[in-house]
Amino acid sequence: MDRRIQKSRRAIYRAFISLLNQKSYEKMTVQEIIDEANVGRSTFYAHFETKETLLEELCQELFEHTFVGHQEEMSYFELIAHLFLHFKRNQDKIATLLLSKNTYFTKRLKDQLEVYLFPLVQEKALYKKDHLPKEFLENFVTSTFIETVTWWLEYGKKLDEMTIAQYYLDLLG
């Protein structure tokens, strides 16, 4: 990707995250994003059709880096800790989206956790709970993970990813 394109996209992403720290997603306008990013309207629309498209692409980028990759090379515990590490490394974006209570982001995150995290947890930690409905277990595992990440990013910053992963797994076990 051309450097100018990368620079414009980064500016738009930063503006979007900055504005989310100030106001809700629903109240934010494309004009405010453009003003904060210091780019023209045509530049914004050359990259994103709408602010929803911007949010979708930001989610996609975060989730690709977080969930795709080294699953085969890691143990169960290492993979869970690795997920927490990714959330910590991207906390400027993730914490803002989680703490803004953006329903779209939370839904997309839950969908990704159902695909990548739940099967692993189901096999390793929930095998004795197979009498419970799968939908209930999926909701419990994903919601608990999201709340654990939210708490960790907001209050538990002194804990490393290994410790918070162990807390999460102890809760499930």
N, C-alpha and C. Protein backbone atom coordinates (compact mmCIF):
# COMPACT_ATOMS: atom_id res chain seq x y z
N MET A 1 0.84 -1.18 0.00
CA MET A 1 0.00 0.00 0.00
C MET A 1 0.89 1.25 0.00
N ASP A 2 0.55 2.20 -0.79
CA ASP A 2 1.26 3.49 -0.90
C ASP A 2 1.36 4.17 0.47
N ARG A 3 2.47 4.84 0.73
CA ARG A 3 2.70 5.50 2.02
C ARG A 3 1.66 6.57 2.32
N ARG A 4 1.25 7.32 1.31
CA ARG A 4 0.23 8.35 1.53
C ARG A 4 -1.09 7.72 1.94
N ILE A 5 -1.41 6.61 1.31
CA ILE A 5 -2.65 5.90 1.66
C ILE A 5 -2.57 5.41 3.10
N GLN A 6 -1.44 4.81 3.46
CA GLN A 6 -1.24 4.33 4.84
C GLN A 6 -1.35 5.48 5.84
N LYS A 7 -0.74 6.60 5.52
CA LYS A 7 -0.77 7.76 6.41
C LYS A 7 -2.20 8.27 6.60
N SER A 8 -2.95 8.37 5.52
CA SER A 8 -4.34 8.83 5.60
C SER A 8 -5.18 7.86 6.43
N ARG A 9 -5.02 6.57 6.18
CA ARG A 9 -5.80 5.57 6.93
C ARG A 9 -5.47 5.63 8.42
N ARG A 10 -4.18 5.73 8.74
CA ARG A 10 -3.77 5.82 10.14
C ARG A 10 -4.38 7.06 10.80
N ALA A 11 -4.35 8.18 10.09
CA ALA A 11 -4.93 9.42 10.63
C ALA A 11 -6.43 9.26 10.89
N ILE A 12 -7.12 8.62 9.98
CA ILE A 12 -8.56 8.40 10.13
C ILE A 12 -8.82 7.45 11.30
N TYR A 13 -8.07 6.35 11.40
CA TYR A 13 -8.21 5.43 12.53
C TYR A 13 -7.98 6.15 13.86
N ARG A 14 -6.89 6.92 13.94
CA ARG A 14 -6.58 7.64 15.17
C ARG A 14 -7.68 8.63 15.53
N ALA A 15 -8.18 9.34 14.54
CA ALA A 15 -9.26 10.31 14.77
C ALA A 15 -10.50 9.58 15.28
N PHE A 16 -10.82 8.48 14.67
CA PHE A 16 -11.98 7.69 15.07
C PHE A 16 -11.87 7.24 16.52
N ILE A 17 -10.71 6.68 16.89
CA ILE A 17 -10.49 6.22 18.26
C ILE A 17 -10.51 7.40 19.23
N SER A 18 -9.89 8.49 18.85
CA SER A 18 -9.88 9.68 19.70
C SER A 18 -11.30 10.18 19.97
N LEU A 19 -12.11 10.22 18.93
CA LEU A 19 -13.49 10.66 19.09
C LEU A 19 -14.31 9.69 19.93
N LEU A 20 -14.02 8.39 19.82
CA LEU A 20 -14.73 7.41 20.65
C LEU A 20 -14.43 7.61 22.13
N ASN A 21 -13.27 8.16 22.43
CA ASN A 21 -12.94 8.47 23.82
C ASN A 21 -13.72 9.67 24.33
N GLN A 22 -14.29 10.43 23.42
CA GLN A 22 -15.01 11.65 23.79
C GLN A 22 -16.52 11.52 23.71
N LYS A 23 -17.00 10.65 22.80
CA LYS A 23 -18.45 10.57 22.59
C LYS A 23 -18.82 9.18 22.09
N SER A 24 -20.09 8.90 22.12
CA SER A 24 -20.54 7.59 21.66
C SER A 24 -20.44 7.49 20.14
N TYR A 25 -20.31 6.27 19.67
CA TYR A 25 -20.23 6.00 18.24
C TYR A 25 -21.45 6.55 17.51
N GLU A 26 -22.62 6.35 18.10
CA GLU A 26 -23.87 6.77 17.47
C GLU A 26 -23.94 8.28 17.26
N LYS A 27 -23.33 9.03 18.15
CA LYS A 27 -23.38 10.49 18.06
C LYS A 27 -22.26 11.07 17.19
N MET A 28 -21.30 10.26 16.85
CA MET A 28 -20.17 10.72 16.04
C MET A 28 -20.58 10.85 14.58
N THR A 29 -20.07 11.89 13.92
CA THR A 29 -20.37 12.09 12.50
C THR A 29 -19.11 11.91 11.67
N VAL A 30 -19.30 11.64 10.40
CA VAL A 30 -18.18 11.53 9.47
C VAL A 30 -17.43 12.87 9.42
N GLN A 31 -18.16 13.96 9.46
CA GLN A 31 -17.50 15.28 9.43
C GLN A 31 -16.56 15.46 10.61
N GLU A 32 -16.96 15.00 11.78
CA GLU A 32 -16.08 15.09 12.95
C GLU A 32 -14.82 14.25 12.77
N ILE A 33 -14.98 13.08 12.18
CA ILE A 33 -13.82 12.22 11.92
C ILE A 33 -12.87 12.91 10.94
N ILE A 34 -13.43 13.47 9.88
CA ILE A 34 -12.64 14.18 8.87
C ILE A 34 -11.90 15.36 9.50
N ASP A 35 -12.59 16.13 10.31
CA ASP A 35 -11.97 17.29 10.96
C ASP A 35 -10.84 16.86 11.90
N GLU A 36 -11.10 15.83 12.70
CA GLU A 36 -10.10 15.35 13.65
C GLU A 36 -8.88 14.76 12.93
N ALA A 37 -9.11 14.07 11.83
CA ALA A 37 -8.02 13.45 11.06
C ALA A 37 -7.29 14.46 10.18
N ASN A 38 -7.92 15.60 9.97
CA ASN A 38 -7.36 16.63 9.10
C ASN A 38 -7.15 16.10 7.68
N VAL A 39 -8.21 15.46 7.18
CA VAL A 39 -8.21 14.97 5.80
C VAL A 39 -9.46 15.51 5.11
N GLY A 40 -9.45 15.48 3.82
CA GLY A 40 -10.61 15.93 3.07
C GLY A 40 -11.71 14.88 3.02
N ARG A 41 -12.90 15.34 2.74
CA ARG A 41 -14.06 14.44 2.62
C ARG A 41 -13.79 13.37 1.55
N SER A 42 -13.24 13.78 0.42
CA SER A 42 -12.98 12.81 -0.66
C SER A 42 -11.94 11.78 -0.23
N THR A 43 -10.97 12.18 0.61
CA THR A 43 -9.98 11.22 1.13
C THR A 43 -10.67 10.19 2.01
N PHE A 44 -11.53 10.66 2.91
CA PHE A 44 -12.26 9.72 3.77
C PHE A 44 -13.03 8.72 2.91
N TYR A 45 -13.81 9.25 1.96
CA TYR A 45 -14.67 8.37 1.16
C TYR A 45 -13.89 7.52 0.15
N ALA A 46 -12.66 7.88 -0.13
CA ALA A 46 -11.81 7.02 -0.96
C ALA A 46 -11.42 5.76 -0.20
N HIS A 47 -11.41 5.85 1.11
CA HIS A 47 -11.02 4.71 1.96
C HIS A 47 -12.21 3.97 2.56
N PHE A 48 -13.26 4.70 2.91
CA PHE A 48 -14.40 4.12 3.63
C PHE A 48 -15.70 4.68 3.07
N GLU A 49 -16.66 3.82 2.84
CA GLU A 49 -17.96 4.26 2.33
C GLU A 49 -18.74 5.03 3.39
N THR A 50 -18.65 4.56 4.64
CA THR A 50 -19.40 5.14 5.75
C THR A 50 -18.58 4.99 7.02
N LYS A 51 -19.07 5.55 8.11
CA LYS A 51 -18.37 5.33 9.38
C LYS A 51 -18.54 3.87 9.84
N GLU A 52 -19.63 3.22 9.39
CA GLU A 52 -19.83 1.81 9.70
C GLU A 52 -18.76 0.96 9.00
N THR A 53 -18.41 1.33 7.78
CA THR A 53 -17.36 0.64 7.06
C THR A 53 -16.02 0.82 7.78
N LEU A 54 -15.78 2.02 8.27
CA LEU A 54 -14.56 2.30 9.04
C LEU A 54 -14.51 1.40 10.27
N LEU A 55 -15.60 1.31 11.01
CA LEU A 55 -15.65 0.46 12.20
C LEU A 55 -15.43 -1.00 11.81
N GLU A 56 -16.07 -1.46 10.76
CA GLU A 56 -15.92 -2.85 10.31
C GLU A 56 -14.46 -3.15 9.96
N GLU A 57 -13.82 -2.26 9.22
CA GLU A 57 -12.43 -2.50 8.83
C GLU A 57 -11.49 -2.46 10.03
N LEU A 58 -11.76 -1.58 10.96
CA LEU A 58 -10.96 -1.54 12.18
C LEU A 58 -11.11 -2.84 12.96
N CYS A 59 -12.34 -3.32 13.08
CA CYS A 59 -12.59 -4.60 13.75
C CYS A 59 -11.87 -5.73 13.03
N GLN A 60 -12.00 -5.76 11.72
CA GLN A 60 -11.38 -6.82 10.93
C GLN A 60 -9.87 -6.83 11.12
N GLU A 61 -9.26 -5.66 11.10
CA GLU A 61 -7.81 -5.56 11.29
C GLU A 61 -7.40 -6.06 12.67
N LEU A 62 -8.12 -5.63 13.69
CA LEU A 62 -7.82 -6.06 15.05
C LEU A 62 -7.99 -7.56 15.21
N PHE A 63 -9.08 -8.10 14.65
CA PHE A 63 -9.36 -9.52 14.84
C PHE A 63 -8.40 -10.40 14.05
N GLU A 64 -8.00 -9.97 12.87
CA GLU A 64 -7.04 -10.75 12.10
C GLU A 64 -5.74 -10.90 12.85
N HIS A 65 -5.27 -9.80 13.43
CA HIS A 65 -4.01 -9.85 14.18
C HIS A 65 -4.15 -10.63 15.48
N THR A 66 -5.33 -10.60 16.05
CA THR A 66 -5.54 -11.24 17.34
C THR A 66 -5.81 -12.73 17.21
N PHE A 67 -6.65 -13.13 16.27
CA PHE A 67 -7.13 -14.51 16.26
C PHE A 67 -6.50 -15.41 15.21
N VAL A 68 -5.89 -14.86 14.19
CA VAL A 68 -5.35 -15.69 13.12
C VAL A 68 -3.86 -15.88 13.34
N GLY A 69 -3.42 -17.13 13.21
CA GLY A 69 -1.98 -17.33 13.33
C GLY A 69 -1.59 -18.60 14.02
N HIS A 70 -0.95 -18.47 15.14
CA HIS A 70 -0.13 -19.51 15.75
C HIS A 70 -0.88 -20.58 16.53
N GLN A 71 -2.12 -20.85 16.25
CA GLN A 71 -2.89 -21.78 17.05
C GLN A 71 -2.24 -23.16 17.19
N GLU A 72 -1.68 -23.66 16.10
CA GLU A 72 -1.12 -25.02 16.11
C GLU A 72 0.16 -25.10 16.93
N GLU A 73 0.88 -24.00 17.07
CA GLU A 73 2.18 -24.00 17.72
C GLU A 73 2.09 -23.82 19.23
N MET A 74 0.94 -23.48 19.75
CA MET A 74 0.81 -23.12 21.16
C MET A 74 -0.03 -24.11 21.94
N SER A 75 0.27 -24.19 23.23
CA SER A 75 -0.57 -24.98 24.13
C SER A 75 -1.85 -24.20 24.40
N TYR A 76 -2.78 -24.86 25.01
CA TYR A 76 -4.07 -24.25 25.37
C TYR A 76 -3.85 -22.99 26.20
N PHE A 77 -3.08 -23.11 27.27
CA PHE A 77 -2.82 -21.97 28.14
C PHE A 77 -2.09 -20.85 27.40
N GLU A 78 -1.08 -21.20 26.60
CA GLU A 78 -0.32 -20.19 25.86
C GLU A 78 -1.21 -19.43 24.88
N LEU A 79 -2.13 -20.12 24.26
CA LEU A 79 -3.04 -19.46 23.31
C LEU A 79 -3.95 -18.46 24.01
N ILE A 80 -4.48 -18.83 25.16
CA ILE A 80 -5.33 -17.92 25.93
C ILE A 80 -4.51 -16.70 26.36
N ALA A 81 -3.31 -16.93 26.87
CA ALA A 81 -2.44 -15.82 27.29
C ALA A 81 -2.08 -14.94 26.09
N HIS A 82 -1.87 -15.57 24.94
CA HIS A 82 -1.54 -14.84 23.72
C HIS A 82 -2.70 -13.92 23.31
N LEU A 83 -3.92 -14.39 23.46
CA LEU A 83 -5.08 -13.54 23.16
C LEU A 83 -5.09 -12.32 24.08
N PHE A 84 -4.86 -12.55 25.37
CA PHE A 84 -4.82 -11.42 26.30
C PHE A 84 -3.69 -10.46 25.93
N LEU A 85 -2.54 -10.98 25.54
CA LEU A 85 -1.41 -10.14 25.15
C LEU A 85 -1.78 -9.25 23.96
N HIS A 86 -2.46 -9.82 22.97
CA HIS A 86 -2.89 -9.02 21.82
C HIS A 86 -3.83 -7.89 22.24
N PHE A 87 -4.73 -8.20 23.14
CA PHE A 87 -5.65 -7.17 23.62
C PHE A 87 -4.87 -6.07 24.35
N LYS A 88 -3.88 -6.46 25.11
CA LYS A 88 -3.06 -5.47 25.83
C LYS A 88 -2.27 -4.61 24.85
N ARG A 89 -1.66 -5.23 23.84
CA ARG A 89 -0.85 -4.49 22.87
C ARG A 89 -1.70 -3.53 22.03
N ASN A 90 -2.95 -3.86 21.83
CA ASN A 90 -3.85 -3.01 21.05
C ASN A 90 -4.87 -2.31 21.93
N GLN A 91 -4.51 -2.11 23.19
CA GLN A 91 -5.49 -1.58 24.13
C GLN A 91 -5.96 -0.18 23.80
N ASP A 92 -5.16 0.59 23.08
CA ASP A 92 -5.63 1.92 22.70
C ASP A 92 -6.91 1.82 21.88
N LYS A 93 -6.97 0.83 20.98
CA LYS A 93 -8.16 0.64 20.16
C LYS A 93 -9.20 -0.21 20.87
N ILE A 94 -8.74 -1.34 21.39
CA ILE A 94 -9.68 -2.30 21.97
C ILE A 94 -10.34 -1.75 23.23
N ALA A 95 -9.56 -1.18 24.12
CA ALA A 95 -10.15 -0.64 25.36
C ALA A 95 -11.16 0.44 25.03
N THR A 96 -10.83 1.30 24.08
CA THR A 96 -11.76 2.36 23.69
C THR A 96 -13.06 1.76 23.16
N LEU A 97 -12.96 0.76 22.30
CA LEU A 97 -14.16 0.15 21.73
C LEU A 97 -14.95 -0.63 22.79
N LEU A 98 -14.25 -1.32 23.69
CA LEU A 98 -14.95 -2.04 24.75
C LEU A 98 -15.61 -1.09 25.74
N LEU A 99 -14.85 -0.10 26.18
CA LEU A 99 -15.37 0.81 27.19
C LEU A 99 -16.45 1.74 26.65
N SER A 100 -16.46 1.93 25.33
CA SER A 100 -17.51 2.75 24.73
C SER A 100 -18.82 1.98 24.64
N LYS A 101 -18.77 0.70 25.00
CA LYS A 101 -19.95 -0.18 24.95
C LYS A 101 -20.57 -0.21 23.57
N ASN A 102 -19.71 -0.19 22.55
CA ASN A 102 -20.17 -0.23 21.17
C ASN A 102 -20.74 -1.62 20.89
N THR A 103 -22.02 -1.70 20.64
CA THR A 103 -22.68 -3.00 20.48
C THR A 103 -22.19 -3.75 19.24
N TYR A 104 -21.87 -3.02 18.18
CA TYR A 104 -21.37 -3.67 16.97
C TYR A 104 -20.03 -4.35 17.26
N PHE A 105 -19.12 -3.63 17.89
CA PHE A 105 -17.81 -4.19 18.21
C PHE A 105 -17.95 -5.39 19.14
N THR A 106 -18.77 -5.26 20.16
CA THR A 106 -18.95 -6.36 21.12
C THR A 106 -19.53 -7.59 20.43
N LYS A 107 -20.49 -7.39 19.55
CA LYS A 107 -21.08 -8.51 18.80
C LYS A 107 -20.04 -9.18 17.91
N ARG A 108 -19.26 -8.38 17.19
CA ARG A 108 -18.21 -8.94 16.32
C ARG A 108 -17.16 -9.67 17.13
N LEU A 109 -16.80 -9.12 18.28
CA LEU A 109 -15.82 -9.77 19.15
C LEU A 109 -16.37 -11.10 19.65
N LYS A 110 -17.62 -11.11 20.07
CA LYS A 110 -18.23 -12.37 20.52
C LYS A 110 -18.26 -13.40 19.39
N ASP A 111 -18.57 -12.97 18.18
CA ASP A 111 -18.57 -13.89 17.03
C ASP A 111 -17.19 -14.51 16.83
N GLN A 112 -16.15 -13.67 16.91
CA GLN A 112 -14.78 -14.17 16.73
C GLN A 112 -14.39 -15.12 17.87
N LEU A 113 -14.78 -14.79 19.08
CA LEU A 113 -14.47 -15.65 20.22
C LEU A 113 -15.20 -16.99 20.11
N GLU A 114 -16.41 -16.98 19.57
CA GLU A 114 -17.14 -18.23 19.37
C GLU A 114 -16.42 -19.15 18.38
N VAL A 115 -15.77 -18.55 17.39
CA VAL A 115 -15.06 -19.33 16.37
C VAL A 115 -13.70 -19.81 16.87
N TYR A 116 -12.94 -18.91 17.51
CA TYR A 116 -11.55 -19.23 17.84
C TYR A 116 -11.34 -19.69 19.28
N LEU A 117 -12.05 -19.10 20.22
CA LEU A 117 -11.81 -19.41 21.62
C LEU A 117 -12.71 -20.54 22.13
N PHE A 118 -13.99 -20.45 21.85
CA PHE A 118 -14.93 -21.40 22.44
C PHE A 118 -14.59 -22.87 22.16
N PRO A 119 -14.30 -23.26 20.91
CA PRO A 119 -14.00 -24.69 20.69
C PRO A 119 -12.82 -25.19 21.53
N LEU A 120 -11.84 -24.36 21.70
CA LEU A 120 -10.67 -24.73 22.50
C LEU A 120 -11.05 -24.88 23.97
N VAL A 121 -11.78 -23.91 24.49
CA VAL A 121 -12.20 -23.96 25.88
C VAL A 121 -13.17 -25.12 26.11
N GLN A 122 -14.05 -25.34 25.15
CA GLN A 122 -15.02 -26.43 25.27
C GLN A 122 -14.29 -27.78 25.39
N GLU A 123 -13.29 -27.96 24.57
CA GLU A 123 -12.54 -29.23 24.57
C GLU A 123 -11.72 -29.40 25.83
N LYS A 124 -11.09 -28.35 26.31
CA LYS A 124 -10.14 -28.46 27.42
C LYS A 124 -10.74 -28.22 28.80
N ALA A 125 -11.72 -27.34 28.90
CA ALA A 125 -12.21 -26.96 30.23
C ALA A 125 -13.68 -27.28 30.48
N LEU A 126 -14.44 -27.45 29.43
CA LEU A 126 -15.88 -27.62 29.63
C LEU A 126 -16.38 -29.04 29.32
N TYR A 127 -15.48 -29.96 29.13
CA TYR A 127 -15.89 -31.31 28.74
C TYR A 127 -16.78 -31.97 29.79
N LYS A 128 -16.69 -31.56 31.05
CA LYS A 128 -17.56 -32.12 32.09
C LYS A 128 -18.90 -31.39 32.18
N LYS A 129 -19.07 -30.39 31.35
CA LYS A 129 -20.30 -29.60 31.38
C LYS A 129 -21.12 -29.81 30.10
N ASP A 130 -20.93 -30.94 29.45
CA ASP A 130 -21.61 -31.19 28.18
C ASP A 130 -23.11 -31.40 28.34
N HIS A 131 -23.61 -31.45 29.57
CA HIS A 131 -25.06 -31.55 29.80
C HIS A 131 -25.75 -30.18 29.64
N LEU A 132 -24.95 -29.12 29.59
CA LEU A 132 -25.50 -27.77 29.41
C LEU A 132 -25.61 -27.44 27.93
N PRO A 133 -26.59 -26.63 27.54
CA PRO A 133 -26.75 -26.28 26.13
C PRO A 133 -25.53 -25.54 25.59
N LYS A 134 -25.14 -25.88 24.38
CA LYS A 134 -23.97 -25.27 23.75
C LYS A 134 -24.11 -23.75 23.67
N GLU A 135 -25.29 -23.24 23.32
CA GLU A 135 -25.50 -21.80 23.20
C GLU A 135 -25.27 -21.09 24.53
N PHE A 136 -25.69 -21.73 25.61
CA PHE A 136 -25.47 -21.17 26.94
C PHE A 136 -23.98 -21.11 27.25
N LEU A 137 -23.28 -22.21 26.97
CA LEU A 137 -21.84 -22.26 27.24
C LEU A 137 -21.07 -21.25 26.38
N GLU A 138 -21.44 -21.13 25.10
CA GLU A 138 -20.79 -20.14 24.22
C GLU A 138 -20.95 -18.74 24.78
N ASN A 139 -22.17 -18.41 25.18
CA ASN A 139 -22.43 -17.09 25.73
C ASN A 139 -21.63 -16.87 27.01
N PHE A 140 -21.59 -17.87 27.86
CA PHE A 140 -20.85 -17.75 29.12
C PHE A 140 -19.36 -17.55 28.87
N VAL A 141 -18.77 -18.37 28.02
CA VAL A 141 -17.32 -18.30 27.75
C VAL A 141 -16.96 -16.97 27.10
N THR A 142 -17.72 -16.55 26.10
CA THR A 142 -17.38 -15.32 25.38
C THR A 142 -17.66 -14.08 26.22
N SER A 143 -18.78 -14.05 26.91
CA SER A 143 -19.10 -12.89 27.75
C SER A 143 -18.11 -12.76 28.90
N THR A 144 -17.75 -13.88 29.50
CA THR A 144 -16.79 -13.85 30.60
C THR A 144 -15.43 -13.38 30.10
N PHE A 145 -15.04 -13.81 28.91
CA PHE A 145 -13.76 -13.36 28.35
C PHE A 145 -13.79 -11.85 28.13
N ILE A 146 -14.85 -11.35 27.53
CA ILE A 146 -14.96 -9.92 27.25
C ILE A 146 -14.95 -9.12 28.55
N GLU A 147 -15.68 -9.57 29.55
CA GLU A 147 -15.69 -8.86 30.83
C GLU A 147 -14.33 -8.94 31.52
N THR A 148 -13.64 -10.06 31.38
CA THR A 148 -12.30 -10.20 31.96
C THR A 148 -11.32 -9.25 31.29
N VAL A 149 -11.35 -9.19 29.96
CA VAL A 149 -10.47 -8.27 29.23
C VAL A 149 -10.79 -6.83 29.61
N THR A 150 -12.07 -6.49 29.68
CA THR A 150 -12.48 -5.13 30.03
C THR A 150 -11.97 -4.76 31.41
N TRP A 151 -12.18 -5.65 32.37
CA TRP A 151 -11.71 -5.39 33.73
C TRP A 151 -10.19 -5.25 33.75
N TRP A 152 -9.50 -6.14 33.08
CA TRP A 152 -8.04 -6.14 33.06
C TRP A 152 -7.49 -4.84 32.47
N LEU A 153 -8.05 -4.41 31.36
CA LEU A 153 -7.57 -3.19 30.71
C LEU A 153 -7.90 -1.95 31.54
N GLU A 154 -9.00 -2.02 32.28
CA GLU A 154 -9.44 -0.86 33.05
C GLU A 154 -8.80 -0.79 34.44
N TYR A 155 -8.69 -1.94 35.11
CA TYR A 155 -8.26 -1.94 36.51
C TYR A 155 -7.03 -2.80 36.82
N GLY A 156 -6.83 -3.86 36.07
CA GLY A 156 -5.81 -4.83 36.44
C GLY A 156 -4.50 -4.73 35.69
N LYS A 157 -4.11 -3.54 35.31
CA LYS A 157 -2.96 -3.35 34.43
C LYS A 157 -1.64 -3.89 35.00
N LYS A 158 -1.57 -4.08 36.30
CA LYS A 158 -0.33 -4.59 36.89
C LYS A 158 -0.19 -6.10 36.69
N LEU A 159 -1.26 -6.74 36.31
CA LEU A 159 -1.21 -8.18 36.06
C LEU A 159 -0.70 -8.43 34.65
N ASP A 160 0.17 -9.42 34.51
CA ASP A 160 0.62 -9.77 33.16
C ASP A 160 -0.40 -10.70 32.50
N GLU A 161 -0.21 -10.95 31.20
CA GLU A 161 -1.17 -11.74 30.45
C GLU A 161 -1.24 -13.19 30.93
N MET A 162 -0.15 -13.71 31.48
CA MET A 162 -0.16 -15.09 31.98
C MET A 162 -1.06 -15.20 33.23
N THR A 163 -0.97 -14.21 34.09
CA THR A 163 -1.76 -14.22 35.32
C THR A 163 -3.25 -14.07 35.01
N ILE A 164 -3.59 -13.12 34.14
CA ILE A 164 -5.01 -12.92 33.84
C ILE A 164 -5.57 -14.12 33.07
N ALA A 165 -4.76 -14.74 32.23
CA ALA A 165 -5.19 -15.97 31.54
C ALA A 165 -5.48 -17.07 32.56
N GLN A 166 -4.62 -17.19 33.56
CA GLN A 166 -4.84 -18.21 34.59
C GLN A 166 -6.11 -17.92 35.38
N TYR A 167 -6.34 -16.66 35.72
CA TYR A 167 -7.58 -16.28 36.42
C TYR A 167 -8.80 -16.69 35.60
N TYR A 168 -8.75 -16.37 34.31
CA TYR A 168 -9.88 -16.69 33.42
C TYR A 168 -10.11 -18.20 33.38
N LEU A 169 -9.06 -18.96 33.20
CA LEU A 169 -9.19 -20.42 33.12
C LEU A 169 -9.62 -21.02 34.44
N ASP A 170 -9.13 -20.47 35.55
CA ASP A 170 -9.57 -20.95 36.88
C ASP A 170 -11.07 -20.72 37.05
N LEU A 171 -11.55 -19.61 36.55
CA LEU A 171 -12.98 -19.31 36.64
C LEU A 171 -13.81 -20.33 35.85
N LEU A 172 -13.30 -20.72 34.69
CA LEU A 172 -14.03 -21.68 33.86
C LEU A 172 -13.97 -23.09 34.41
N GLY A 173 -12.85 -23.42 35.03
CA GLY A 173 -12.61 -24.79 35.50
C GLY A 173 -13.42 -25.13 36.68
